[in-house]
Amino acid sequence: MCIGFAACSGPEDGDRPYIEFIGGGFIFNYRLAEADYGFVAGVKRPIPAGTVLEAEFENPGDGESIIVRQTAKWGRTSYMFRTPPLQGIKANRDYHVELRLMNPATYRVIARYTNAYRSDVDQNILPKTPPVAGPGYHQPYPHAASRSDQR
């Protein structure tokens, strides 16, 4: 069953989705000469503890999907997913994401949600190298992996 543009879900209790996309988009960090994108998923109903949340991001650079995983924890109200730094972001083009909730033992998909994000500017607005170096200018989220690094 699909709910509008933002979410498609599998069989769920009372057709209520587990999550909804509550924010997201592209981040262009001029100081680091980097760009990435991500989203925040808000919990609409309890997600069983231990459930694997797997976000698959369309990669504007080499075409390989980027996978970011988290494990659901009881009582958590939102989850943030973000790509590592990217190359090749083009303006006015949709980049798709899919968030899957999976059984941790079987990796069977419990629910699936999709969304798309769009940048208003090309990545070529960023400098080739960071204009500033020093303390406080570091990589934000190094925990994502490309599709080929999975399982």
N, C-alpha and C. Protein backbone atom coordinates (compact mmCIF):
# COMPACT_ATOMS: atom_id res chain seq x y z
N MET A 1 0.84 -1.17 0.00
CA MET A 1 0.00 0.00 0.00
C MET A 1 0.89 1.23 0.00
N CYS A 2 0.60 2.20 -0.86
CA CYS A 2 1.39 3.43 -0.91
C CYS A 2 0.60 4.57 -0.28
N ILE A 3 1.33 5.39 0.45
CA ILE A 3 0.71 6.55 1.10
C ILE A 3 1.35 7.78 0.49
N GLY A 4 0.65 8.44 -0.43
CA GLY A 4 1.19 9.63 -1.08
C GLY A 4 2.49 9.34 -1.80
N PHE A 5 3.30 10.34 -1.98
CA PHE A 5 4.57 10.22 -2.67
C PHE A 5 5.65 9.70 -1.76
N ALA A 6 5.55 9.99 -0.47
CA ALA A 6 6.69 9.81 0.42
C ALA A 6 6.85 8.41 0.99
N ALA A 7 5.82 7.61 1.10
CA ALA A 7 6.02 6.35 1.79
C ALA A 7 5.20 5.24 1.19
N CYS A 8 5.83 4.09 1.03
CA CYS A 8 5.14 2.87 0.64
C CYS A 8 5.44 1.86 1.73
N SER A 9 4.42 1.16 2.18
CA SER A 9 4.64 0.26 3.29
C SER A 9 4.14 -1.13 2.97
N GLY A 10 4.65 -2.07 3.71
CA GLY A 10 4.22 -3.46 3.58
C GLY A 10 3.05 -3.71 4.50
N PRO A 11 2.77 -4.98 4.76
CA PRO A 11 1.64 -5.30 5.63
C PRO A 11 1.91 -4.80 7.05
N GLU A 12 1.04 -3.94 7.51
CA GLU A 12 1.22 -3.34 8.83
C GLU A 12 -0.11 -3.33 9.57
N ASP A 13 -0.05 -3.31 10.86
CA ASP A 13 -1.21 -3.27 11.71
C ASP A 13 -2.05 -2.04 11.42
N GLY A 14 -3.27 -2.24 10.96
CA GLY A 14 -4.17 -1.12 10.71
C GLY A 14 -3.69 -0.17 9.63
N ASP A 15 -2.81 -0.61 8.75
CA ASP A 15 -2.28 0.24 7.68
C ASP A 15 -1.56 1.47 8.18
N ARG A 16 -1.17 1.48 9.43
CA ARG A 16 -0.40 2.61 9.97
C ARG A 16 1.07 2.36 9.70
N PRO A 17 1.77 3.30 9.08
CA PRO A 17 3.19 3.11 8.83
C PRO A 17 4.00 3.17 10.13
N TYR A 18 5.15 2.51 10.12
CA TYR A 18 6.06 2.58 11.26
C TYR A 18 6.74 3.94 11.32
N ILE A 19 7.09 4.47 10.17
CA ILE A 19 7.83 5.74 10.13
C ILE A 19 7.24 6.67 9.08
N GLU A 20 7.70 7.93 9.14
CA GLU A 20 7.43 8.89 8.08
C GLU A 20 8.68 9.75 7.92
N PHE A 21 8.91 10.22 6.71
CA PHE A 21 10.03 11.13 6.46
C PHE A 21 9.64 12.49 7.01
N ILE A 22 10.44 13.02 7.94
CA ILE A 22 10.08 14.31 8.55
C ILE A 22 11.07 15.42 8.20
N GLY A 23 12.08 15.10 7.45
CA GLY A 23 13.04 16.12 7.03
C GLY A 23 14.13 15.48 6.20
N GLY A 24 14.85 16.30 5.50
CA GLY A 24 15.97 15.77 4.72
C GLY A 24 16.33 16.69 3.57
N GLY A 25 17.44 16.37 2.94
CA GLY A 25 17.89 17.12 1.79
C GLY A 25 19.40 17.10 1.68
N PHE A 26 19.90 18.00 0.86
CA PHE A 26 21.34 18.09 0.58
C PHE A 26 22.01 19.10 1.49
N ILE A 27 23.25 18.79 1.85
CA ILE A 27 24.07 19.69 2.66
C ILE A 27 25.35 19.97 1.89
N PHE A 28 25.57 21.22 1.57
CA PHE A 28 26.79 21.65 0.89
C PHE A 28 27.65 22.38 1.92
N ASN A 29 28.78 21.77 2.28
CA ASN A 29 29.65 22.35 3.29
C ASN A 29 30.83 23.00 2.58
N TYR A 30 30.76 24.32 2.43
CA TYR A 30 31.79 25.07 1.73
C TYR A 30 33.14 24.96 2.43
N ARG A 31 33.15 24.99 3.76
CA ARG A 31 34.41 24.94 4.52
C ARG A 31 35.17 23.63 4.31
N LEU A 32 34.43 22.53 4.10
CA LEU A 32 35.07 21.23 3.86
C LEU A 32 35.15 20.88 2.38
N ALA A 33 34.52 21.69 1.53
CA ALA A 33 34.43 21.43 0.09
C ALA A 33 33.78 20.06 -0.15
N GLU A 34 32.71 19.77 0.60
CA GLU A 34 32.01 18.50 0.50
C GLU A 34 30.50 18.70 0.46
N ALA A 35 29.84 17.69 -0.09
CA ALA A 35 28.38 17.68 -0.12
C ALA A 35 27.89 16.27 0.18
N ASP A 36 26.75 16.19 0.84
CA ASP A 36 26.12 14.90 1.13
C ASP A 36 24.62 15.14 1.22
N TYR A 37 23.87 14.07 1.43
CA TYR A 37 22.45 14.23 1.71
C TYR A 37 21.97 13.17 2.66
N GLY A 38 20.80 13.42 3.21
CA GLY A 38 20.26 12.51 4.19
C GLY A 38 18.83 12.86 4.54
N PHE A 39 18.32 12.17 5.54
CA PHE A 39 16.95 12.41 5.97
C PHE A 39 16.77 11.99 7.42
N VAL A 40 15.66 12.43 7.99
CA VAL A 40 15.25 12.01 9.32
C VAL A 40 13.92 11.30 9.18
N ALA A 41 13.84 10.12 9.79
CA ALA A 41 12.61 9.33 9.80
C ALA A 41 12.03 9.38 11.20
N GLY A 42 10.81 9.88 11.30
CA GLY A 42 10.13 9.93 12.58
C GLY A 42 9.31 8.67 12.80
N VAL A 43 9.33 8.16 14.01
CA VAL A 43 8.60 6.93 14.34
C VAL A 43 7.12 7.27 14.55
N LYS A 44 6.26 6.57 13.81
CA LYS A 44 4.80 6.77 13.91
C LYS A 44 4.15 5.76 14.84
N ARG A 45 4.74 4.57 14.92
CA ARG A 45 4.28 3.54 15.86
C ARG A 45 5.50 2.71 16.23
N PRO A 46 5.47 2.03 17.37
CA PRO A 46 6.67 1.33 17.86
C PRO A 46 7.26 0.35 16.85
N ILE A 47 8.57 0.47 16.70
CA ILE A 47 9.34 -0.46 15.86
C ILE A 47 9.94 -1.49 16.80
N PRO A 48 9.77 -2.78 16.52
CA PRO A 48 10.33 -3.80 17.42
C PRO A 48 11.84 -3.60 17.61
N ALA A 49 12.28 -3.63 18.86
CA ALA A 49 13.70 -3.48 19.17
C ALA A 49 14.49 -4.54 18.41
N GLY A 50 15.63 -4.14 17.86
CA GLY A 50 16.48 -5.05 17.10
C GLY A 50 16.21 -5.04 15.61
N THR A 51 15.08 -4.47 15.20
CA THR A 51 14.78 -4.38 13.77
C THR A 51 15.90 -3.60 13.08
N VAL A 52 16.29 -4.06 11.90
CA VAL A 52 17.33 -3.38 11.13
C VAL A 52 16.66 -2.34 10.24
N LEU A 53 17.10 -1.10 10.36
CA LEU A 53 16.65 -0.03 9.47
C LEU A 53 17.77 0.18 8.46
N GLU A 54 17.47 -0.04 7.20
CA GLU A 54 18.48 0.05 6.14
C GLU A 54 18.05 1.11 5.13
N ALA A 55 18.86 2.16 5.03
CA ALA A 55 18.59 3.22 4.07
C ALA A 55 19.49 3.01 2.85
N GLU A 56 18.88 3.02 1.68
CA GLU A 56 19.62 2.91 0.43
C GLU A 56 19.48 4.23 -0.32
N PHE A 57 20.62 4.89 -0.53
CA PHE A 57 20.66 6.20 -1.19
C PHE A 57 21.13 6.05 -2.63
N GLU A 58 20.47 6.73 -3.53
CA GLU A 58 20.97 6.82 -4.90
C GLU A 58 22.26 7.62 -4.87
N ASN A 59 23.29 7.12 -5.54
CA ASN A 59 24.59 7.77 -5.56
C ASN A 59 24.75 8.59 -6.83
N PRO A 60 24.89 9.91 -6.72
CA PRO A 60 25.02 10.73 -7.92
C PRO A 60 26.36 10.56 -8.64
N GLY A 61 27.36 9.99 -7.98
CA GLY A 61 28.69 9.87 -8.57
C GLY A 61 28.86 8.66 -9.44
N ASP A 62 29.15 7.52 -8.84
CA ASP A 62 29.49 6.33 -9.61
C ASP A 62 28.32 5.39 -9.85
N GLY A 63 27.17 5.74 -9.37
CA GLY A 63 25.99 4.94 -9.61
C GLY A 63 25.74 3.83 -8.61
N GLU A 64 26.75 3.39 -7.83
CA GLU A 64 26.53 2.37 -6.81
C GLU A 64 25.73 2.95 -5.66
N SER A 65 24.72 2.23 -5.22
CA SER A 65 23.92 2.69 -4.09
C SER A 65 24.78 2.77 -2.84
N ILE A 66 24.37 3.66 -1.95
CA ILE A 66 25.03 3.80 -0.66
C ILE A 66 24.06 3.28 0.39
N ILE A 67 24.55 2.36 1.23
CA ILE A 67 23.72 1.73 2.26
C ILE A 67 24.17 2.21 3.63
N VAL A 68 23.20 2.63 4.45
CA VAL A 68 23.47 3.01 5.83
C VAL A 68 22.48 2.23 6.69
N ARG A 69 22.99 1.56 7.72
CA ARG A 69 22.13 0.75 8.59
C ARG A 69 22.18 1.23 10.04
N GLN A 70 21.04 1.05 10.70
CA GLN A 70 20.95 1.28 12.13
C GLN A 70 20.05 0.19 12.71
N THR A 71 20.17 -0.03 14.00
CA THR A 71 19.32 -0.99 14.69
C THR A 71 18.31 -0.23 15.54
N ALA A 72 17.05 -0.64 15.42
CA ALA A 72 15.99 0.02 16.18
C ALA A 72 16.17 -0.23 17.67
N LYS A 73 15.90 0.81 18.43
CA LYS A 73 15.97 0.73 19.89
C LYS A 73 14.61 1.14 20.45
N TRP A 74 14.19 0.45 21.48
CA TRP A 74 12.89 0.72 22.07
C TRP A 74 12.82 2.17 22.56
N GLY A 75 11.72 2.85 22.27
CA GLY A 75 11.48 4.20 22.76
C GLY A 75 12.07 5.31 21.91
N ARG A 76 12.85 4.98 20.91
CA ARG A 76 13.44 6.01 20.06
C ARG A 76 12.36 6.64 19.19
N THR A 77 12.41 7.96 19.02
CA THR A 77 11.36 8.66 18.28
C THR A 77 11.76 9.07 16.87
N SER A 78 13.05 9.00 16.56
CA SER A 78 13.48 9.33 15.20
C SER A 78 14.84 8.70 14.91
N TYR A 79 15.14 8.59 13.63
CA TYR A 79 16.41 8.04 13.16
C TYR A 79 16.92 8.95 12.04
N MET A 80 18.21 9.27 12.11
CA MET A 80 18.81 10.11 11.08
C MET A 80 19.75 9.25 10.23
N PHE A 81 19.66 9.42 8.92
CA PHE A 81 20.51 8.71 7.98
C PHE A 81 21.18 9.75 7.08
N ARG A 82 22.48 9.54 6.84
CA ARG A 82 23.24 10.51 6.05
C ARG A 82 24.32 9.80 5.25
N THR A 83 24.54 10.24 4.03
CA THR A 83 25.57 9.63 3.19
C THR A 83 26.94 10.15 3.58
N PRO A 84 27.99 9.45 3.15
CA PRO A 84 29.32 10.05 3.24
C PRO A 84 29.41 11.15 2.17
N PRO A 85 30.52 11.89 2.11
CA PRO A 85 30.67 12.91 1.08
C PRO A 85 30.49 12.31 -0.32
N LEU A 86 29.84 13.07 -1.19
CA LEU A 86 29.50 12.61 -2.54
C LEU A 86 30.16 13.47 -3.60
N GLN A 87 30.14 12.96 -4.82
CA GLN A 87 30.59 13.70 -5.99
C GLN A 87 29.50 13.61 -7.06
N GLY A 88 29.38 14.64 -7.87
CA GLY A 88 28.49 14.59 -9.03
C GLY A 88 27.06 15.04 -8.82
N ILE A 89 26.75 15.73 -7.74
CA ILE A 89 25.38 16.18 -7.49
C ILE A 89 25.00 17.23 -8.52
N LYS A 90 23.88 17.02 -9.18
CA LYS A 90 23.36 17.95 -10.19
C LYS A 90 22.10 18.63 -9.68
N ALA A 91 21.92 19.86 -10.07
CA ALA A 91 20.74 20.62 -9.66
C ALA A 91 19.49 20.10 -10.37
N ASN A 92 18.36 20.28 -9.70
CA ASN A 92 17.04 20.00 -10.27
C ASN A 92 16.87 18.58 -10.79
N ARG A 93 17.45 17.63 -10.07
CA ARG A 93 17.32 16.22 -10.40
C ARG A 93 16.95 15.49 -9.12
N ASP A 94 15.99 14.58 -9.21
CA ASP A 94 15.60 13.80 -8.03
C ASP A 94 16.63 12.71 -7.75
N TYR A 95 16.98 12.56 -6.48
CA TYR A 95 17.82 11.47 -6.01
C TYR A 95 16.98 10.68 -5.02
N HIS A 96 16.82 9.39 -5.28
CA HIS A 96 15.89 8.57 -4.53
C HIS A 96 16.55 7.86 -3.36
N VAL A 97 15.74 7.68 -2.32
CA VAL A 97 16.15 6.90 -1.15
C VAL A 97 15.06 5.88 -0.85
N GLU A 98 15.49 4.78 -0.28
CA GLU A 98 14.54 3.78 0.18
C GLU A 98 14.96 3.37 1.58
N LEU A 99 14.00 3.35 2.49
CA LEU A 99 14.24 2.91 3.86
C LEU A 99 13.48 1.61 4.05
N ARG A 100 14.22 0.57 4.43
CA ARG A 100 13.62 -0.74 4.66
C ARG A 100 13.75 -1.09 6.14
N LEU A 101 12.68 -1.61 6.72
CA LEU A 101 12.71 -2.17 8.06
C LEU A 101 12.76 -3.68 7.87
N MET A 102 13.78 -4.32 8.48
CA MET A 102 13.99 -5.74 8.23
C MET A 102 14.12 -6.54 9.51
N ASN A 103 13.63 -7.75 9.48
CA ASN A 103 13.79 -8.70 10.56
C ASN A 103 15.28 -8.98 10.70
N PRO A 104 15.86 -8.83 11.91
CA PRO A 104 17.31 -8.99 12.05
C PRO A 104 17.80 -10.43 11.83
N ALA A 105 16.95 -11.42 12.02
CA ALA A 105 17.37 -12.82 11.86
C ALA A 105 17.36 -13.26 10.41
N THR A 106 16.36 -12.80 9.66
CA THR A 106 16.18 -13.29 8.28
C THR A 106 16.43 -12.23 7.21
N TYR A 107 16.52 -10.98 7.61
CA TYR A 107 16.61 -9.83 6.70
C TYR A 107 15.41 -9.75 5.77
N ARG A 108 14.31 -10.36 6.17
CA ARG A 108 13.05 -10.22 5.44
C ARG A 108 12.51 -8.82 5.65
N VAL A 109 12.08 -8.17 4.59
CA VAL A 109 11.58 -6.80 4.68
C VAL A 109 10.21 -6.79 5.35
N ILE A 110 10.11 -6.00 6.41
CA ILE A 110 8.86 -5.83 7.15
C ILE A 110 8.06 -4.68 6.55
N ALA A 111 8.77 -3.61 6.21
CA ALA A 111 8.12 -2.42 5.62
C ALA A 111 9.15 -1.70 4.76
N ARG A 112 8.64 -0.95 3.79
CA ARG A 112 9.50 -0.25 2.84
C ARG A 112 8.92 1.15 2.60
N TYR A 113 9.80 2.15 2.60
CA TYR A 113 9.38 3.54 2.42
C TYR A 113 10.32 4.20 1.41
N THR A 114 9.79 5.04 0.55
CA THR A 114 10.62 5.71 -0.45
C THR A 114 10.38 7.21 -0.42
N ASN A 115 11.39 7.93 -0.86
CA ASN A 115 11.29 9.39 -0.97
C ASN A 115 12.35 9.83 -1.97
N ALA A 116 12.31 11.08 -2.36
CA ALA A 116 13.31 11.65 -3.26
C ALA A 116 13.68 13.04 -2.76
N TYR A 117 14.94 13.39 -2.97
CA TYR A 117 15.44 14.71 -2.59
C TYR A 117 16.08 15.35 -3.80
N ARG A 118 16.05 16.66 -3.83
CA ARG A 118 16.52 17.43 -4.98
C ARG A 118 17.32 18.62 -4.50
N SER A 119 18.43 18.86 -5.17
CA SER A 119 19.25 20.03 -4.87
C SER A 119 18.90 21.16 -5.82
N ASP A 120 18.98 22.38 -5.34
CA ASP A 120 18.74 23.55 -6.18
C ASP A 120 20.00 23.99 -6.92
N VAL A 121 21.16 23.45 -6.51
CA VAL A 121 22.44 23.86 -7.10
C VAL A 121 23.30 22.64 -7.45
N ASP A 122 24.19 22.82 -8.42
CA ASP A 122 25.16 21.79 -8.76
C ASP A 122 26.28 21.78 -7.73
N GLN A 123 26.91 20.65 -7.60
CA GLN A 123 28.01 20.52 -6.66
C GLN A 123 29.23 21.34 -7.09
N ASN A 124 29.30 21.71 -8.36
CA ASN A 124 30.47 22.47 -8.83
C ASN A 124 30.56 23.87 -8.23
N ILE A 125 29.59 24.27 -7.40
CA ILE A 125 29.70 25.55 -6.70
C ILE A 125 30.71 25.49 -5.56
N LEU A 126 31.04 24.25 -5.14
CA LEU A 126 32.00 24.08 -4.05
C LEU A 126 33.43 24.22 -4.56
N PRO A 127 34.33 24.68 -3.70
CA PRO A 127 35.74 24.74 -4.12
C PRO A 127 36.29 23.31 -4.28
N LYS A 128 37.38 23.17 -5.02
CA LYS A 128 38.01 21.86 -5.24
C LYS A 128 38.64 21.30 -3.96
N THR A 129 39.17 22.18 -3.14
CA THR A 129 39.77 21.79 -1.87
C THR A 129 39.23 22.71 -0.78
N PRO A 130 39.25 22.26 0.47
CA PRO A 130 38.76 23.11 1.56
C PRO A 130 39.56 24.41 1.65
N PRO A 131 38.89 25.55 1.73
CA PRO A 131 39.60 26.82 1.84
C PRO A 131 40.19 27.05 3.23
N VAL A 132 39.74 26.26 4.22
CA VAL A 132 40.19 26.43 5.60
C VAL A 132 40.61 25.06 6.14
N ALA A 133 41.68 25.02 6.91
CA ALA A 133 42.11 23.78 7.56
C ALA A 133 42.34 24.06 9.03
N GLY A 134 42.17 23.04 9.84
CA GLY A 134 42.42 23.22 11.26
C GLY A 134 41.38 22.55 12.12
N PRO A 135 41.49 22.72 13.44
CA PRO A 135 40.57 22.08 14.38
C PRO A 135 39.11 22.49 14.10
N GLY A 136 38.22 21.54 14.25
CA GLY A 136 36.80 21.81 14.06
C GLY A 136 36.32 21.56 12.64
N TYR A 137 37.22 21.26 11.73
CA TYR A 137 36.83 20.99 10.34
C TYR A 137 37.09 19.51 10.08
N HIS A 138 36.10 18.70 10.38
CA HIS A 138 36.26 17.25 10.31
C HIS A 138 35.09 16.61 9.57
N GLN A 139 35.25 15.35 9.21
CA GLN A 139 34.20 14.59 8.53
C GLN A 139 33.09 14.27 9.53
N PRO A 140 31.81 14.51 9.18
CA PRO A 140 30.73 14.31 10.13
C PRO A 140 30.32 12.86 10.38
N TYR A 141 30.08 12.03 9.36
CA TYR A 141 29.52 10.69 9.55
C TYR A 141 30.27 9.67 8.71
N PRO A 142 31.28 9.03 9.27
CA PRO A 142 32.07 8.08 8.49
C PRO A 142 31.52 6.65 8.46
N HIS A 143 30.28 6.40 8.93
CA HIS A 143 29.81 5.04 9.10
C HIS A 143 29.03 4.46 7.92
N ALA A 144 28.88 5.17 6.82
CA ALA A 144 28.13 4.65 5.68
C ALA A 144 29.05 3.84 4.77
N ALA A 145 28.46 2.93 4.02
CA ALA A 145 29.23 2.10 3.10
C ALA A 145 28.53 2.02 1.75
N SER A 146 29.29 1.77 0.72
CA SER A 146 28.67 1.60 -0.59
C SER A 146 28.02 0.23 -0.67
N ARG A 147 27.18 0.03 -1.67
CA ARG A 147 26.43 -1.22 -1.86
C ARG A 147 27.38 -2.41 -1.95
N SER A 148 28.53 -2.25 -2.58
CA SER A 148 29.46 -3.35 -2.77
C SER A 148 30.13 -3.80 -1.47
N ASP A 149 30.09 -2.98 -0.42
CA ASP A 149 30.70 -3.32 0.86
C ASP A 149 29.76 -4.13 1.75
N GLN A 150 28.55 -4.37 1.31
CA GLN A 150 27.54 -5.00 2.17
C GLN A 150 27.56 -6.51 2.08
N ARG A 151 27.24 -7.14 3.18
CA ARG A 151 27.07 -8.60 3.36
C ARG A 151 28.11 -9.38 2.66
